[in-house]
N, C-alpha and C. Protein backbone atom coordinates (compact mmCIF):
# COMPACT_ATOMS: atom_id res chain seq x y z
N MET A 1 -57.75 32.74 122.51
CA MET A 1 -57.30 31.46 121.85
C MET A 1 -56.13 32.07 120.71
N GLN A 2 -55.18 31.29 120.71
CA GLN A 2 -54.15 31.78 119.95
C GLN A 2 -53.65 30.67 119.14
N TRP A 3 -53.40 30.87 117.73
CA TRP A 3 -52.80 29.71 116.99
C TRP A 3 -51.15 29.73 117.10
N THR A 4 -50.71 28.67 116.81
CA THR A 4 -49.32 28.47 116.99
C THR A 4 -49.00 28.74 115.24
N ARG A 5 -47.53 28.96 115.26
CA ARG A 5 -47.32 29.28 113.95
C ARG A 5 -47.63 28.16 112.94
N ASP A 6 -47.04 26.85 113.24
CA ASP A 6 -47.39 25.80 112.54
C ASP A 6 -48.93 25.45 112.38
N GLY A 7 -49.68 25.58 113.28
CA GLY A 7 -51.16 25.49 113.23
C GLY A 7 -51.85 26.66 112.23
N ALA A 8 -51.39 27.86 112.23
CA ALA A 8 -51.98 28.74 111.33
C ALA A 8 -51.50 28.38 110.10
N HIS A 9 -50.26 27.90 109.89
CA HIS A 9 -49.62 27.66 108.48
C HIS A 9 -50.55 26.48 107.78
N ASN A 10 -50.64 25.55 108.80
CA ASN A 10 -51.42 24.34 108.05
C ASN A 10 -52.95 24.76 107.73
N ILE A 11 -53.55 25.41 108.65
CA ILE A 11 -55.05 26.02 108.16
C ILE A 11 -55.02 26.76 107.13
N LEU A 12 -53.93 27.78 106.71
CA LEU A 12 -53.74 28.60 105.55
C LEU A 12 -53.54 27.75 104.28
N GLN A 13 -52.94 26.46 104.58
CA GLN A 13 -52.66 25.83 103.33
C GLN A 13 -53.90 25.10 102.85
N ILE A 14 -54.70 24.59 103.93
CA ILE A 14 -56.02 23.80 103.56
C ILE A 14 -56.84 24.99 102.87
N ARG A 15 -56.88 26.24 103.26
CA ARG A 15 -57.82 27.39 102.83
C ARG A 15 -57.42 27.81 101.50
N GLY A 16 -56.14 27.80 101.17
CA GLY A 16 -55.65 28.20 100.02
C GLY A 16 -55.73 27.02 98.88
N MET A 17 -55.80 25.83 99.45
CA MET A 17 -56.08 24.60 98.57
C MET A 17 -57.71 24.60 98.25
N ILE A 18 -58.59 24.88 99.27
CA ILE A 18 -60.03 25.10 98.81
C ILE A 18 -60.34 26.05 97.85
N THR A 19 -59.77 27.27 98.14
CA THR A 19 -60.05 28.49 97.39
C THR A 19 -59.53 28.06 95.76
N SER A 20 -58.40 27.60 95.65
CA SER A 20 -57.85 27.30 94.26
C SER A 20 -58.34 26.12 93.77
N ASN A 21 -59.22 25.46 94.25
CA ASN A 21 -59.92 24.10 93.80
C ASN A 21 -58.91 22.83 93.78
N GLU A 22 -57.91 22.94 94.29
CA GLU A 22 -56.80 21.89 94.33
C GLU A 22 -57.33 20.78 95.48
N TRP A 23 -58.08 21.34 96.56
CA TRP A 23 -58.48 20.29 97.47
C TRP A 23 -59.04 18.92 97.00
N ASP A 24 -60.07 19.23 95.96
CA ASP A 24 -60.43 17.96 95.50
C ASP A 24 -59.74 16.95 94.93
N LYS A 25 -58.49 17.27 94.31
CA LYS A 25 -57.61 16.63 93.81
C LYS A 25 -56.50 16.06 95.01
N ASN A 26 -56.20 16.57 95.97
CA ASN A 26 -55.14 16.71 96.83
C ASN A 26 -55.52 16.06 98.34
N TRP A 27 -56.70 15.96 98.60
CA TRP A 27 -57.24 15.89 100.01
C TRP A 27 -56.87 14.63 100.61
N GLN A 28 -56.88 13.43 99.67
CA GLN A 28 -56.63 12.08 100.01
C GLN A 28 -55.35 11.78 100.61
N ARG A 29 -54.26 12.35 100.08
CA ARG A 29 -53.15 11.93 100.73
C ARG A 29 -52.63 12.44 102.07
N PRO A 30 -52.99 13.60 102.43
CA PRO A 30 -52.61 13.88 103.83
C PRO A 30 -53.58 13.30 104.78
N ILE A 31 -54.87 12.95 104.42
CA ILE A 31 -56.05 12.36 105.26
C ILE A 31 -55.72 11.10 105.68
N LEU A 32 -55.33 10.45 104.21
CA LEU A 32 -55.09 8.95 104.63
C LEU A 32 -53.71 8.66 105.41
N SER A 33 -52.74 9.40 105.14
CA SER A 33 -51.38 9.29 105.79
C SER A 33 -51.62 9.53 107.35
N ALA A 34 -52.56 10.61 107.59
CA ALA A 34 -52.87 10.90 109.11
C ALA A 34 -53.60 9.54 109.59
N LEU A 35 -54.32 9.00 109.07
CA LEU A 35 -55.18 7.98 109.37
C LEU A 35 -54.32 6.64 109.65
N VAL A 36 -53.36 6.46 108.62
CA VAL A 36 -52.25 5.31 108.79
C VAL A 36 -51.52 5.51 110.11
N GLY A 37 -51.09 6.66 110.23
CA GLY A 37 -50.29 7.01 111.26
C GLY A 37 -50.89 6.97 112.80
N ALA A 38 -52.45 7.06 112.85
CA ALA A 38 -53.13 7.01 113.96
C ALA A 38 -53.40 5.47 114.33
N VAL A 39 -53.38 4.64 113.38
CA VAL A 39 -53.82 3.27 113.72
C VAL A 39 -52.49 2.46 114.20
N LYS A 40 -52.63 2.03 115.52
CA LYS A 40 -51.52 1.07 115.95
C LYS A 40 -51.78 -0.31 115.33
N PRO A 41 -50.60 -0.89 115.02
CA PRO A 41 -50.54 -2.26 114.59
C PRO A 41 -50.95 -3.19 115.60
N ALA A 42 -51.61 -4.08 115.32
CA ALA A 42 -52.20 -5.10 116.45
C ALA A 42 -51.04 -6.00 116.84
């Protein structure tokens, strides 16, 4: 298995945020925006 450059970058961003305790403050924004993008309007 190989990571794409973008995929590896995203994982390292998350790991860095978790390590620096920034994850608890910032996790909602990317998760909620991904969920909004995944929901199709009726």
